[in-house]
PDB file of N, CA and C in Angstrom:
ATOM      1  N   UNK A   1     -26.640  25.035  -7.278  1.00  0.00           N
ATOM      2  CA  UNK A   1     -25.381  25.722  -7.510  1.00  0.00           C
ATOM      3  C   UNK A   1     -24.660  26.016  -6.197  1.00  0.00           C
ATOM      4  N   UNK A   2     -25.411  26.359  -5.170  1.00  0.00           N
ATOM      5  CA  UNK A   2     -24.819  26.666  -3.870  1.00  0.00           C
ATOM      6  C   UNK A   2     -24.107  25.433  -3.299  1.00  0.00           C
ATOM      7  N   UNK A   3     -24.707  24.251  -3.496  1.00  0.00           N
ATOM      8  CA  UNK A   3     -24.082  23.023  -3.002  1.00  0.00           C
ATOM      9  C   UNK A   3     -22.737  22.782  -3.674  1.00  0.00           C
ATOM     10  N   UNK A   4     -22.661  23.055  -4.948  1.00  0.00           N
ATOM     11  CA  UNK A   4     -21.411  22.888  -5.682  1.00  0.00           C
ATOM     12  C   UNK A   4     -20.343  23.840  -5.165  1.00  0.00           C
ATOM     13  N   UNK A   5     -20.719  25.056  -4.851  1.00  0.00           N
ATOM     14  CA  UNK A   5     -19.767  26.026  -4.295  1.00  0.00           C
ATOM     15  C   UNK A   5     -19.242  25.559  -2.945  1.00  0.00           C
ATOM     16  N   UNK A   6     -20.123  25.025  -2.116  1.00  0.00           N
ATOM     17  CA  UNK A   6     -19.709  24.521  -0.802  1.00  0.00           C
ATOM     18  C   UNK A   6     -18.754  23.344  -0.971  1.00  0.00           C
ATOM     19  N   UNK A   7     -19.090  22.421  -1.862  1.00  0.00           N
ATOM     20  CA  UNK A   7     -18.206  21.280  -2.114  1.00  0.00           C
ATOM     21  C   UNK A   7     -16.842  21.734  -2.615  1.00  0.00           C
ATOM     22  N   UNK A   8     -16.815  22.636  -3.547  1.00  0.00           N
ATOM     23  CA  UNK A   8     -15.544  23.137  -4.077  1.00  0.00           C
ATOM     24  C   UNK A   8     -14.722  23.825  -3.003  1.00  0.00           C
ATOM     25  N   UNK A   9     -15.388  24.528  -2.106  1.00  0.00           N
ATOM     26  CA  UNK A   9     -14.678  25.215  -1.020  1.00  0.00           C
ATOM     27  C   UNK A   9     -13.944  24.226  -0.124  1.00  0.00           C
ATOM     28  N   UNK A  10     -14.571  23.098   0.155  1.00  0.00           N
ATOM     29  CA  UNK A  10     -13.979  22.131   1.077  1.00  0.00           C
ATOM     30  C   UNK A  10     -13.061  21.116   0.412  1.00  0.00           C
ATOM     31  N   UNK A  11     -13.189  20.941  -0.877  1.00  0.00           N
ATOM     32  CA  UNK A  11     -12.437  19.892  -1.546  1.00  0.00           C
ATOM     33  C   UNK A  11     -11.421  20.390  -2.560  1.00  0.00           C
ATOM     34  N   UNK A  12     -11.008  21.624  -2.471  1.00  0.00           N
ATOM     35  CA  UNK A  12     -10.027  22.119  -3.431  1.00  0.00           C
ATOM     36  C   UNK A  12      -8.598  21.890  -2.979  1.00  0.00           C
ATOM     37  N   UNK A  13      -8.366  21.750  -1.703  1.00  0.00           N
ATOM     38  CA  UNK A  13      -7.002  21.582  -1.202  1.00  0.00           C
ATOM     39  C   UNK A  13      -6.910  20.316  -0.362  1.00  0.00           C
ATOM     40  N   UNK A  14      -7.190  19.206  -0.981  1.00  0.00           N
ATOM     41  CA  UNK A  14      -7.157  17.937  -0.268  1.00  0.00           C
ATOM     42  C   UNK A  14      -5.730  17.549   0.084  1.00  0.00           C
ATOM     43  N   UNK A  15      -5.578  16.822   1.181  1.00  0.00           N
ATOM     44  CA  UNK A  15      -4.237  16.438   1.625  1.00  0.00           C
ATOM     45  C   UNK A  15      -3.578  15.442   0.688  1.00  0.00           C
ATOM     46  N   UNK A  16      -4.313  14.837  -0.203  1.00  0.00           N
ATOM     47  CA  UNK A  16      -3.721  13.908  -1.163  1.00  0.00           C
ATOM     48  C   UNK A  16      -3.636  14.509  -2.557  1.00  0.00           C
ATOM     49  N   UNK A  17      -3.765  15.806  -2.653  1.00  0.00           N
ATOM     50  CA  UNK A  17      -3.696  16.492  -3.943  1.00  0.00           C
ATOM     51  C   UNK A  17      -2.251  16.915  -4.217  1.00  0.00           C
ATOM     52  N   UNK A  18      -1.401  15.949  -4.472  1.00  0.00           N
ATOM     53  CA  UNK A  18       0.018  16.171  -4.752  1.00  0.00           C
ATOM     54  C   UNK A  18       0.245  15.814  -6.213  1.00  0.00           C
ATOM     55  N   UNK A  19       1.154  16.508  -6.854  1.00  0.00           N
ATOM     56  CA  UNK A  19       1.487  16.210  -8.243  1.00  0.00           C
ATOM     57  C   UNK A  19       1.831  14.724  -8.374  1.00  0.00           C
ATOM     58  N   UNK A  20       1.245  14.074  -9.360  1.00  0.00           N
ATOM     59  CA  UNK A  20       1.419  12.628  -9.523  1.00  0.00           C
ATOM     60  C   UNK A  20       2.877  12.247  -9.735  1.00  0.00           C
ATOM     61  N   UNK A  21       3.610  13.006 -10.539  1.00  0.00           N
ATOM     62  CA  UNK A  21       5.022  12.685 -10.772  1.00  0.00           C
ATOM     63  C   UNK A  21       5.834  12.799  -9.492  1.00  0.00           C
ATOM     64  N   UNK A  22       5.539  13.817  -8.693  1.00  0.00           N
ATOM     65  CA  UNK A  22       6.222  13.984  -7.407  1.00  0.00           C
ATOM     66  C   UNK A  22       5.898  12.814  -6.479  1.00  0.00           C
ATOM     67  N   UNK A  23       4.638  12.412  -6.454  1.00  0.00           N
ATOM     68  CA  UNK A  23       4.224  11.293  -5.609  1.00  0.00           C
ATOM     69  C   UNK A  23       4.884   9.993  -6.057  1.00  0.00           C
ATOM     70  N   UNK A  24       4.936   9.763  -7.366  1.00  0.00           N
ATOM     71  CA  UNK A  24       5.580   8.548  -7.883  1.00  0.00           C
ATOM     72  C   UNK A  24       7.062   8.514  -7.539  1.00  0.00           C
ATOM     73  N   UNK A  25       7.715   9.657  -7.602  1.00  0.00           N
ATOM     74  CA  UNK A  25       9.135   9.728  -7.245  1.00  0.00           C
ATOM     75  C   UNK A  25       9.333   9.405  -5.768  1.00  0.00           C
ATOM     76  N   UNK A  26       8.476   9.932  -4.911  1.00  0.00           N
ATOM     77  CA  UNK A  26       8.566   9.664  -3.477  1.00  0.00           C
ATOM     78  C   UNK A  26       8.346   8.174  -3.191  1.00  0.00           C
ATOM     79  N   UNK A  27       7.359   7.574  -3.852  1.00  0.00           N
ATOM     80  CA  UNK A  27       7.086   6.150  -3.659  1.00  0.00           C
ATOM     81  C   UNK A  27       8.253   5.310  -4.168  1.00  0.00           C
ATOM     82  N   UNK A  28       8.834   5.713  -5.278  1.00  0.00           N
ATOM     83  CA  UNK A  28      10.001   5.015  -5.812  1.00  0.00           C
ATOM     84  C   UNK A  28      11.163   5.092  -4.829  1.00  0.00           C
ATOM     85  N   UNK A  29      11.373   6.257  -4.237  1.00  0.00           N
ATOM     86  CA  UNK A  29      12.425   6.409  -3.225  1.00  0.00           C
ATOM     87  C   UNK A  29      12.147   5.527  -2.012  1.00  0.00           C
ATOM     88  N   UNK A  30      10.891   5.468  -1.598  1.00  0.00           N
ATOM     89  CA  UNK A  30      10.533   4.615  -0.464  1.00  0.00           C
ATOM     90  C   UNK A  30      10.822   3.150  -0.764  1.00  0.00           C
ATOM     91  N   UNK A  31      10.508   2.722  -1.979  1.00  0.00           N
ATOM     92  CA  UNK A  31      10.724   1.311  -2.320  1.00  0.00           C
ATOM     93  C   UNK A  31      12.205   0.949  -2.339  1.00  0.00           C
ATOM     94  N   UNK A  32      13.063   1.929  -2.567  1.00  0.00           N
ATOM     95  CA  UNK A  32      14.508   1.670  -2.553  1.00  0.00           C
ATOM     96  C   UNK A  32      15.055   1.571  -1.137  1.00  0.00           C
ATOM     97  N   UNK A  33      14.357   2.157  -0.175  1.00  0.00           N
ATOM     98  CA  UNK A  33      14.863   2.173   1.195  1.00  0.00           C
ATOM     99  C   UNK A  33      14.269   1.085   2.077  1.00  0.00           C
ATOM    100  N   UNK A  34      13.137   0.533   1.695  1.00  0.00           N
ATOM    101  CA  UNK A  34      12.480  -0.477   2.522  1.00  0.00           C
ATOM    102  C   UNK A  34      13.050  -1.847   2.184  1.00  0.00           C
ATOM    103  N   UNK A  35      13.840  -2.367   3.085  1.00  0.00           N
ATOM    104  CA  UNK A  35      14.426  -3.700   2.929  1.00  0.00           C
ATOM    105  C   UNK A  35      14.350  -4.412   4.278  1.00  0.00           C
ATOM    106  N   UNK A  36      14.174  -5.705   4.219  1.00  0.00           N
ATOM    107  CA  UNK A  36      14.070  -6.499   5.435  1.00  0.00           C
ATOM    108  C   UNK A  36      15.143  -7.573   5.445  1.00  0.00           C
ATOM    109  N   UNK A  37      15.678  -7.828   6.609  1.00  0.00           N
ATOM    110  CA  UNK A  37      16.596  -8.941   6.791  1.00  0.00           C
ATOM    111  C   UNK A  37      15.791 -10.230   6.668  1.00  0.00           C
ATOM    112  N   UNK A  38      16.415 -11.278   6.227  1.00  0.00           N
ATOM    113  CA  UNK A  38      15.725 -12.560   6.033  1.00  0.00           C
ATOM    114  C   UNK A  38      15.066 -13.090   7.301  1.00  0.00           C
ATOM    115  N   UNK A  39      15.544 -12.652   8.463  1.00  0.00           N
ATOM    116  CA  UNK A  39      14.977 -13.144   9.717  1.00  0.00           C
ATOM    117  C   UNK A  39      13.627 -12.500  10.052  1.00  0.00           C
ATOM    118  N   UNK A  40      13.258 -11.443   9.353  1.00  0.00           N
ATOM    119  CA  UNK A  40      11.971 -10.780   9.596  1.00  0.00           C
ATOM    120  C   UNK A  40      10.873 -11.582   8.899  1.00  0.00           C
ATOM    121  N   UNK A  41       9.890 -12.027   9.675  1.00  0.00           N
ATOM    122  CA  UNK A  41       8.851 -12.877   9.074  1.00  0.00           C
ATOM    123  C   UNK A  41       7.884 -12.066   8.215  1.00  0.00           C
ATOM    124  N   UNK A  42       7.114 -12.780   7.427  1.00  0.00           N
ATOM    125  CA  UNK A  42       6.264 -12.152   6.419  1.00  0.00           C
ATOM    126  C   UNK A  42       5.153 -11.316   7.047  1.00  0.00           C
ATOM    127  N   UNK A  43       4.609 -11.749   8.172  1.00  0.00           N
ATOM    128  CA  UNK A  43       3.534 -10.972   8.794  1.00  0.00           C
ATOM    129  C   UNK A  43       4.043  -9.622   9.284  1.00  0.00           C
ATOM    130  N   UNK A  44       5.256  -9.597   9.824  1.00  0.00           N
ATOM    131  CA  UNK A  44       5.841  -8.318  10.249  1.00  0.00           C
ATOM    132  C   UNK A  44       6.126  -7.418   9.051  1.00  0.00           C
ATOM    133  N   UNK A  45       6.549  -8.005   7.955  1.00  0.00           N
ATOM    134  CA  UNK A  45       6.803  -7.220   6.741  1.00  0.00           C
ATOM    135  C   UNK A  45       5.522  -6.555   6.242  1.00  0.00           C
ATOM    136  N   UNK A  46       4.439  -7.315   6.249  1.00  0.00           N
ATOM    137  CA  UNK A  46       3.164  -6.764   5.794  1.00  0.00           C
ATOM    138  C   UNK A  46       2.710  -5.608   6.685  1.00  0.00           C
ATOM    139  N   UNK A  47       2.883  -5.769   7.995  1.00  0.00           N
ATOM    140  CA  UNK A  47       2.513  -4.695   8.923  1.00  0.00           C
ATOM    141  C   UNK A  47       3.353  -3.446   8.702  1.00  0.00           C
ATOM    142  N   UNK A  48       4.648  -3.630   8.509  1.00  0.00           N
ATOM    143  CA  UNK A  48       5.532  -2.485   8.280  1.00  0.00           C
ATOM    144  C   UNK A  48       5.150  -1.767   6.988  1.00  0.00           C
ATOM    145  N   UNK A  49       4.867  -2.520   5.937  1.00  0.00           N
ATOM    146  CA  UNK A  49       4.445  -1.898   4.676  1.00  0.00           C
ATOM    147  C   UNK A  49       3.165  -1.093   4.864  1.00  0.00           C
ATOM    148  N   UNK A  50       2.205  -1.653   5.588  1.00  0.00           N
ATOM    149  CA  UNK A  50       0.952  -0.928   5.846  1.00  0.00           C
ATOM    150  C   UNK A  50       1.225   0.363   6.614  1.00  0.00           C
ATOM    151  N   UNK A  51       2.114   0.299   7.596  1.00  0.00           N
ATOM    152  CA  UNK A  51       2.448   1.495   8.380  1.00  0.00           C
ATOM    153  C   UNK A  51       3.166   2.544   7.543  1.00  0.00           C
ATOM    154  N   UNK A  52       4.056   2.117   6.676  1.00  0.00           N
ATOM    155  CA  UNK A  52       4.763   3.069   5.809  1.00  0.00           C
ATOM    156  C   UNK A  52       3.776   3.756   4.870  1.00  0.00           C
ATOM    157  N   UNK A  53       2.849   2.983   4.334  1.00  0.00           N
ATOM    158  CA  UNK A  53       1.836   3.588   3.465  1.00  0.00           C
ATOM    159  C   UNK A  53       1.013   4.597   4.261  1.00  0.00           C
ATOM    160  N   UNK A  54       0.605   4.235   5.470  1.00  0.00           N
ATOM    161  CA  UNK A  54      -0.174   5.161   6.302  1.00  0.00           C
ATOM    162  C   UNK A  54       0.615   6.428   6.603  1.00  0.00           C
ATOM    163  N   UNK A  55       1.908   6.288   6.870  1.00  0.00           N
ATOM    164  CA  UNK A  55       2.743   7.457   7.161  1.00  0.00           C
ATOM    165  C   UNK A  55       2.926   8.358   5.947  1.00  0.00           C
ATOM    166  N   UNK A  56       2.773   7.812   4.763  1.00  0.00           N
ATOM    167  CA  UNK A  56       2.955   8.560   3.512  1.00  0.00           C
ATOM    168  C   UNK A  56       1.683   8.531   2.666  1.00  0.00           C
ATOM    169  N   UNK A  57       0.552   8.512   3.323  1.00  0.00           N
ATOM    170  CA  UNK A  57      -0.731   8.290   2.657  1.00  0.00           C
ATOM    171  C   UNK A  57      -1.021   9.312   1.561  1.00  0.00           C
ATOM    172  N   UNK A  58      -0.606  10.535   1.751  1.00  0.00           N
ATOM    173  CA  UNK A  58      -0.887  11.576   0.748  1.00  0.00           C
ATOM    174  C   UNK A  58      -0.244  11.244  -0.589  1.00  0.00           C
ATOM    175  N   UNK A  59       0.970  10.743  -0.557  1.00  0.00           N
ATOM    176  CA  UNK A  59       1.661  10.391  -1.804  1.00  0.00           C
ATOM    177  C   UNK A  59       0.957   9.230  -2.503  1.00  0.00           C
ATOM    178  N   UNK A  60       0.600   8.214  -1.736  1.00  0.00           N
ATOM    179  CA  UNK A  60      -0.036   7.043  -2.328  1.00  0.00           C
ATOM    180  C   UNK A  60      -1.422   7.372  -2.884  1.00  0.00           C
ATOM    181  N   UNK A  61      -2.186   8.167  -2.148  1.00  0.00           N
ATOM    182  CA  UNK A  61      -3.531   8.516  -2.616  1.00  0.00           C
ATOM    183  C   UNK A  61      -3.494   9.445  -3.823  1.00  0.00           C
ATOM    184  N   UNK A  62      -2.407  10.152  -4.018  1.00  0.00           N
ATOM    185  CA  UNK A  62      -2.290  11.042  -5.174  1.00  0.00           C
ATOM    186  C   UNK A  62      -2.035  10.282  -6.465  1.00  0.00           C
ATOM    187  N   UNK A  63      -1.646   9.042  -6.364  1.00  0.00           N
ATOM    188  CA  UNK A  63      -1.239   8.266  -7.534  1.00  0.00           C
ATOM    189  C   UNK A  63      -2.390   7.463  -8.134  1.00  0.00           C
ATOM    190  N   UNK A  64      -3.188   6.833  -7.306  1.00  0.00           N
ATOM    191  CA  UNK A  64      -4.234   5.936  -7.802  1.00  0.00           C
ATOM    192  C   UNK A  64      -5.446   6.712  -8.294  1.00  0.00           C
ATOM    193  N   UNK A  65      -6.232   6.047  -9.124  1.00  0.00           N
ATOM    194  CA  UNK A  65      -7.409   6.679  -9.717  1.00  0.00           C
ATOM    195  C   UNK A  65      -8.468   7.016  -8.669  1.00  0.00           C
ATOM    196  N   UNK A  66      -8.502   6.286  -7.582  1.00  0.00           N
ATOM    197  CA  UNK A  66      -9.475   6.548  -6.531  1.00  0.00           C
ATOM    198  C   UNK A  66      -8.779   6.384  -5.185  1.00  0.00           C
ATOM    199  N   UNK A  67      -9.042   7.303  -4.252  1.00  0.00           N
ATOM    200  CA  UNK A  67      -8.326   7.292  -2.978  1.00  0.00           C
ATOM    201  C   UNK A  67      -8.608   6.044  -2.152  1.00  0.00           C
ATOM    202  N   UNK A  68      -9.766   5.423  -2.335  1.00  0.00           N
ATOM    203  CA  UNK A  68     -10.085   4.219  -1.566  1.00  0.00           C
ATOM    204  C   UNK A  68      -9.220   3.026  -1.948  1.00  0.00           C
ATOM    205  N   UNK A  69      -8.563   3.092  -3.085  1.00  0.00           N
ATOM    206  CA  UNK A  69      -7.674   1.996  -3.490  1.00  0.00           C
ATOM    207  C   UNK A  69      -6.565   1.796  -2.464  1.00  0.00           C
ATOM    208  N   UNK A  70      -6.004   2.869  -1.978  1.00  0.00           N
ATOM    209  CA  UNK A  70      -4.911   2.771  -1.003  1.00  0.00           C
ATOM    210  C   UNK A  70      -5.441   2.249   0.327  1.00  0.00           C
ATOM    211  N   UNK A  71      -6.621   2.702   0.733  1.00  0.00           N
ATOM    212  CA  UNK A  71      -7.223   2.167   1.956  1.00  0.00           C
ATOM    213  C   UNK A  71      -7.458   0.665   1.825  1.00  0.00           C
ATOM    214  N   UNK A  72      -7.842   0.222   0.649  1.00  0.00           N
ATOM    215  CA  UNK A  72      -8.053  -1.202   0.393  1.00  0.00           C
ATOM    216  C   UNK A  72      -6.737  -1.966   0.494  1.00  0.00           C
ATOM    217  N   UNK A  73      -5.677  -1.421  -0.078  1.00  0.00           N
ATOM    218  CA  UNK A  73      -4.358  -2.066  -0.007  1.00  0.00           C
ATOM    219  C   UNK A  73      -3.909  -2.192   1.441  1.00  0.00           C
ATOM    220  N   UNK A  74      -4.034  -1.120   2.211  1.00  0.00           N
ATOM    221  CA  UNK A  74      -3.644  -1.153   3.627  1.00  0.00           C
ATOM    222  C   UNK A  74      -4.487  -2.186   4.376  1.00  0.00           C
ATOM    223  N   UNK A  75      -5.762  -2.243   4.071  1.00  0.00           N
ATOM    224  CA  UNK A  75      -6.635  -3.229   4.708  1.00  0.00           C
ATOM    225  C   UNK A  75      -6.207  -4.655   4.411  1.00  0.00           C
ATOM    226  N   UNK A  76      -5.879  -4.929   3.155  1.00  0.00           N
ATOM    227  CA  UNK A  76      -5.392  -6.264   2.786  1.00  0.00           C
ATOM    228  C   UNK A  76      -4.085  -6.592   3.512  1.00  0.00           C
ATOM    229  N   UNK A  77      -3.152  -5.660   3.541  1.00  0.00           N
ATOM    230  CA  UNK A  77      -1.871  -5.913   4.213  1.00  0.00           C
ATOM    231  C   UNK A  77      -2.087  -6.235   5.686  1.00  0.00           C
ATOM    232  N   UNK A  78      -2.915  -5.446   6.361  1.00  0.00           N
ATOM    233  CA  UNK A  78      -3.178  -5.683   7.784  1.00  0.00           C
ATOM    234  C   UNK A  78      -3.934  -6.989   8.013  1.00  0.00           C
ATOM    235  N   UNK A  79      -4.890  -7.290   7.155  1.00  0.00           N
ATOM    236  CA  UNK A  79      -5.664  -8.528   7.299  1.00  0.00           C
ATOM    237  C   UNK A  79      -4.764  -9.758   7.171  1.00  0.00           C
ATOM    238  N   UNK A  80      -3.943  -9.782   6.135  1.00  0.00           N
ATOM    239  CA  UNK A  80      -3.092 -10.950   5.921  1.00  0.00           C
ATOM    240  C   UNK A  80      -1.986 -11.044   6.966  1.00  0.00           C
ATOM    241  N   UNK A  81      -1.505  -9.919   7.458  1.00  0.00           N
ATOM    242  CA  UNK A  81      -0.523  -9.946   8.547  1.00  0.00           C
ATOM    243  C   UNK A  81      -1.141 -10.590   9.781  1.00  0.00           C
ATOM    244  N   UNK A  82      -2.355 -10.194  10.115  1.00  0.00           N
ATOM    245  CA  UNK A  82      -3.040 -10.769  11.278  1.00  0.00           C
ATOM    246  C   UNK A  82      -3.348 -12.248  11.060  1.00  0.00           C
ATOM    247  N   UNK A  83      -3.757 -12.604   9.855  1.00  0.00           N
ATOM    248  CA  UNK A  83      -4.068 -14.004   9.543  1.00  0.00           C
ATOM    249  C   UNK A  83      -2.839 -14.890   9.714  1.00  0.00           C
ATOM    250  N   UNK A  84      -1.713 -14.462   9.188  1.00  0.00           N
ATOM    251  CA  UNK A  84      -0.492 -15.271   9.277  1.00  0.00           C
ATOM    252  C   UNK A  84      -0.032 -15.376  10.726  1.00  0.00           C
ATOM    253  N   UNK A  85      -0.173 -14.288  11.492  1.00  0.00           N
ATOM    254  CA  UNK A  85       0.177 -14.370  12.917  1.00  0.00           C
ATOM    255  C   UNK A  85      -0.764 -15.321  13.648  1.00  0.00           C
ATOM    256  N   UNK A  86      -2.029 -15.298  13.288  1.00  0.00           N
ATOM    257  CA  UNK A  86      -3.025 -16.146  13.946  1.00  0.00           C
ATOM    258  C   UNK A  86      -2.734 -17.625  13.714  1.00  0.00           C
ATOM    259  N   UNK A  87      -2.403 -17.986  12.490  1.00  0.00           N
ATOM    260  CA  UNK A  87      -2.134 -19.397  12.212  1.00  0.00           C
ATOM    261  C   UNK A  87      -0.720 -19.798  12.616  1.00  0.00           C
ATOM    262  N   UNK A  88       0.100 -18.808  12.951  1.00  0.00           N
ATOM    263  CA  UNK A  88       1.461 -19.040  13.451  1.00  0.00           C
ATOM    264  C   UNK A  88       2.268 -19.935  12.528  1.00  0.00           C
ATOM    265  N   UNK A  89       2.206 -19.619  11.268  1.00  0.00           N
ATOM    266  CA  UNK A  89       2.918 -20.427  10.282  1.00  0.00           C
ATOM    267  C   UNK A  89       3.498 -19.500   9.226  1.00  0.00           C
ATOM    268  N   UNK A  90       4.796 -19.532   9.080  1.00  0.00           N
ATOM    269  CA  UNK A  90       5.485 -18.684   8.106  1.00  0.00           C
ATOM    270  C   UNK A  90       6.226 -19.563   7.090  1.00  0.00           C
ATOM    271  N   UNK A  91       5.658 -20.735   6.828  1.00  0.00           N
ATOM    272  CA  UNK A  91       6.320 -21.700   5.955  1.00  0.00           C
ATOM    273  C   UNK A  91       6.126 -21.352   4.488  1.00  0.00           C
ATOM    274  N   UNK A  92       6.844 -22.060   3.646  1.00  0.00           N
ATOM    275  CA  UNK A  92       6.755 -21.837   2.202  1.00  0.00           C
ATOM    276  C   UNK A  92       5.353 -22.165   1.695  1.00  0.00           C
ATOM    277  N   UNK A  93       4.690 -23.137   2.333  1.00  0.00           N
ATOM    278  CA  UNK A  93       3.327 -23.480   1.918  1.00  0.00           C
ATOM    279  C   UNK A  93       2.375 -22.311   2.147  1.00  0.00           C
ATOM    280  N   UNK A  94       2.520 -21.637   3.275  1.00  0.00           N
ATOM    281  CA  UNK A  94       1.670 -20.480   3.568  1.00  0.00           C
ATOM    282  C   UNK A  94       1.951 -19.360   2.579  1.00  0.00           C
ATOM    283  N   UNK A  95       3.203 -19.187   2.243  1.00  0.00           N
ATOM    284  CA  UNK A  95       3.547 -18.155   1.266  1.00  0.00           C
ATOM    285  C   UNK A  95       2.883 -18.468  -0.074  1.00  0.00           C
ATOM    286  N   UNK A  96       2.936 -19.726  -0.487  1.00  0.00           N
ATOM    287  CA  UNK A  96       2.320 -20.102  -1.762  1.00  0.00           C
ATOM    288  C   UNK A  96       0.808 -19.936  -1.736  1.00  0.00           C
ATOM    289  N   UNK A  97       0.187 -20.320  -0.641  1.00  0.00           N
ATOM    290  CA  UNK A  97      -1.270 -20.301  -0.557  1.00  0.00           C
ATOM    291  C   UNK A  97      -1.815 -18.915  -0.226  1.00  0.00           C
ATOM    292  N   UNK A  98      -1.054 -18.115   0.495  1.00  0.00           N
ATOM    293  CA  UNK A  98      -1.557 -16.833   0.977  1.00  0.00           C
ATOM    294  C   UNK A  98      -0.921 -15.637   0.290  1.00  0.00           C
ATOM    295  N   UNK A  99       0.395 -15.582   0.262  1.00  0.00           N
ATOM    296  CA  UNK A  99       1.078 -14.376  -0.194  1.00  0.00           C
ATOM    297  C   UNK A  99       0.975 -14.183  -1.699  1.00  0.00           C
ATOM    298  N   UNK A 100       1.130 -15.226  -2.468  1.00  0.00           N
ATOM    299  CA  UNK A 100       1.041 -15.048  -3.921  1.00  0.00           C
ATOM    300  C   UNK A 100      -0.348 -14.577  -4.360  1.00  0.00           C
ATOM    301  N   UNK A 101      -1.432 -15.147  -3.823  1.00  0.00           N
ATOM    302  CA  UNK A 101      -2.746 -14.573  -4.155  1.00  0.00           C
ATOM    303  C   UNK A 101      -2.904 -13.129  -3.657  1.00  0.00           C
ATOM    304  N   UNK A 102      -2.316 -12.824  -2.498  1.00  0.00           N
ATOM    305  CA  UNK A 102      -2.364 -11.448  -1.995  1.00  0.00           C
ATOM    306  C   UNK A 102      -1.676 -10.497  -2.962  1.00  0.00           C
ATOM    307  N   UNK A 103      -0.480 -10.857  -3.393  1.00  0.00           N
ATOM    308  CA  UNK A 103       0.255 -10.010  -4.341  1.00  0.00           C
ATOM    309  C   UNK A 103      -0.542  -9.853  -5.633  1.00  0.00           C
ATOM    310  N   UNK A 104      -1.105 -10.935  -6.117  1.00  0.00           N
ATOM    311  CA  UNK A 104      -1.922 -10.883  -7.335  1.00  0.00           C
ATOM    312  C   UNK A 104      -3.083  -9.904  -7.156  1.00  0.00           C
ATOM    313  N   UNK A 105      -3.747  -9.973  -6.019  1.00  0.00           N
ATOM    314  CA  UNK A 105      -4.866  -9.066  -5.739  1.00  0.00           C
ATOM    315  C   UNK A 105      -4.395  -7.622  -5.657  1.00  0.00           C
ATOM    316  N   UNK A 106      -3.317  -7.383  -4.918  1.00  0.00           N
ATOM    317  CA  UNK A 106      -2.813  -6.015  -4.762  1.00  0.00           C
ATOM    318  C   UNK A 106      -2.404  -5.414  -6.099  1.00  0.00           C
ATOM    319  N   UNK A 107      -1.831  -6.233  -6.962  1.00  0.00           N
ATOM    320  CA  UNK A 107      -1.398  -5.739  -8.272  1.00  0.00           C
ATOM    321  C   UNK A 107      -2.573  -5.321  -9.149  1.00  0.00           C
ATOM    322  N   UNK A 108      -3.744  -5.858  -8.879  1.00  0.00           N
ATOM    323  CA  UNK A 108      -4.911  -5.496  -9.678  1.00  0.00           C
ATOM    324  C   UNK A 108      -5.699  -4.332  -9.081  1.00  0.00           C
ATOM    325  N   UNK A 109      -5.340  -3.903  -7.897  1.00  0.00           N
ATOM    326  CA  UNK A 109      -6.023  -2.762  -7.285  1.00  0.00           C
ATOM    327  C   UNK A 109      -5.513  -1.460  -7.881  1.00  0.00           C
ATOM    328  N   UNK A 110      -4.203  -1.336  -7.993  1.00  0.00           N
ATOM    329  CA  UNK A 110      -3.604  -0.120  -8.556  1.00  0.00           C
ATOM    330  C   UNK A 110      -2.541  -0.532  -9.569  1.00  0.00           C
ATOM    331  N   UNK A 111      -2.612   0.040 -10.751  1.00  0.00           N
ATOM    332  CA  UNK A 111      -1.742  -0.380 -11.854  1.00  0.00           C
ATOM    333  C   UNK A 111      -0.392   0.327 -11.908  1.00  0.00           C
ATOM    334  N   UNK A 112      -0.133   1.240 -11.015  1.00  0.00           N
ATOM    335  CA  UNK A 112       1.113   2.003 -11.077  1.00  0.00           C
ATOM    336  C   UNK A 112       2.316   1.121 -10.731  1.00  0.00           C
ATOM    337  N   UNK A 113       3.323   1.153 -11.587  1.00  0.00           N
ATOM    338  CA  UNK A 113       4.525   0.339 -11.404  1.00  0.00           C
ATOM    339  C   UNK A 113       5.198   0.624 -10.066  1.00  0.00           C
ATOM    340  N   UNK A 114       5.298   1.886  -9.682  1.00  0.00           N
ATOM    341  CA  UNK A 114       5.994   2.252  -8.448  1.00  0.00           C
ATOM    342  C   UNK A 114       5.320   1.643  -7.222  1.00  0.00           C
ATOM    343  N   UNK A 115       4.008   1.599  -7.229  1.00  0.00           N
ATOM    344  CA  UNK A 115       3.300   0.994  -6.100  1.00  0.00           C
ATOM    345  C   UNK A 115       3.508  -0.516  -6.099  1.00  0.00           C
ATOM    346  N   UNK A 116       3.478  -1.133  -7.257  1.00  0.00           N
ATOM    347  CA  UNK A 116       3.734  -2.572  -7.343  1.00  0.00           C
ATOM    348  C   UNK A 116       5.140  -2.902  -6.848  1.00  0.00           C
ATOM    349  N   UNK A 117       6.127  -2.118  -7.252  1.00  0.00           N
ATOM    350  CA  UNK A 117       7.504  -2.347  -6.804  1.00  0.00           C
ATOM    351  C   UNK A 117       7.619  -2.146  -5.301  1.00  0.00           C
ATOM    352  N   UNK A 118       6.959  -1.118  -4.781  1.00  0.00           N
ATOM    353  CA  UNK A 118       6.987  -0.856  -3.343  1.00  0.00           C
ATOM    354  C   UNK A 118       6.433  -2.046  -2.566  1.00  0.00           C
ATOM    355  N   UNK A 119       5.383  -2.651  -3.069  1.00  0.00           N
ATOM    356  CA  UNK A 119       4.756  -3.777  -2.377  1.00  0.00           C
ATOM    357  C   UNK A 119       5.516  -5.083  -2.566  1.00  0.00           C
ATOM    358  N   UNK A 120       6.010  -5.325  -3.747  1.00  0.00           N
ATOM    359  CA  UNK A 120       6.589  -6.628  -4.064  1.00  0.00           C
ATOM    360  C   UNK A 120       7.967  -6.850  -3.451  1.00  0.00           C
ATOM    361  N   UNK A 121       8.861  -5.928  -3.627  1.00  0.00           N
ATOM    362  CA  UNK A 121      10.253  -6.154  -3.217  1.00  0.00           C
ATOM    363  C   UNK A 121      10.399  -6.468  -1.733  1.00  0.00           C
ATOM    364  N   UNK A 122       9.785  -5.722  -0.829  1.00  0.00           N
ATOM    365  CA  UNK A 122       9.947  -6.062   0.594  1.00  0.00           C
ATOM    366  C   UNK A 122       9.242  -7.349   1.009  1.00  0.00           C
ATOM    367  N   UNK A 123       8.145  -7.692   0.332  1.00  0.00           N
ATOM    368  CA  UNK A 123       7.418  -8.909   0.713  1.00  0.00           C
ATOM    369  C   UNK A 123       8.241 -10.144   0.391  1.00  0.00           C
ATOM    370  N   UNK A 124       8.853 -10.149  -0.781  1.00  0.00           N
ATOM    371  CA  UNK A 124       9.623 -11.321  -1.179  1.00  0.00           C
ATOM    372  C   UNK A 124      11.017 -11.215  -0.647  1.00  0.00           C
TER     373      UNK A 124
END
């Protein structure tokens, strides 16, 4: 019982404990403001998205069923950004082979529409 009291003491006011509706509204607002000019390559877009999520991590973690889902999304965004920079190819073939499977994977990590919209619109 003492262990449970200690856990409750430390985990009652988590930084990602924000009302889900409030968090979804904030993410929706973010998705409306994040736009890239066509000259911005896909690897830079992925990095910017990862940074925006990190800057607003509390909102994103409040939405998904498990907080590690957002860490996984950020990890995927950073990994694919680095991969595309490494191969130095931003062609349509790379988008077909890399980005579409990435989007498919990200969409299955968290089912919330607002997060999907936040990820999809700036990438494409």
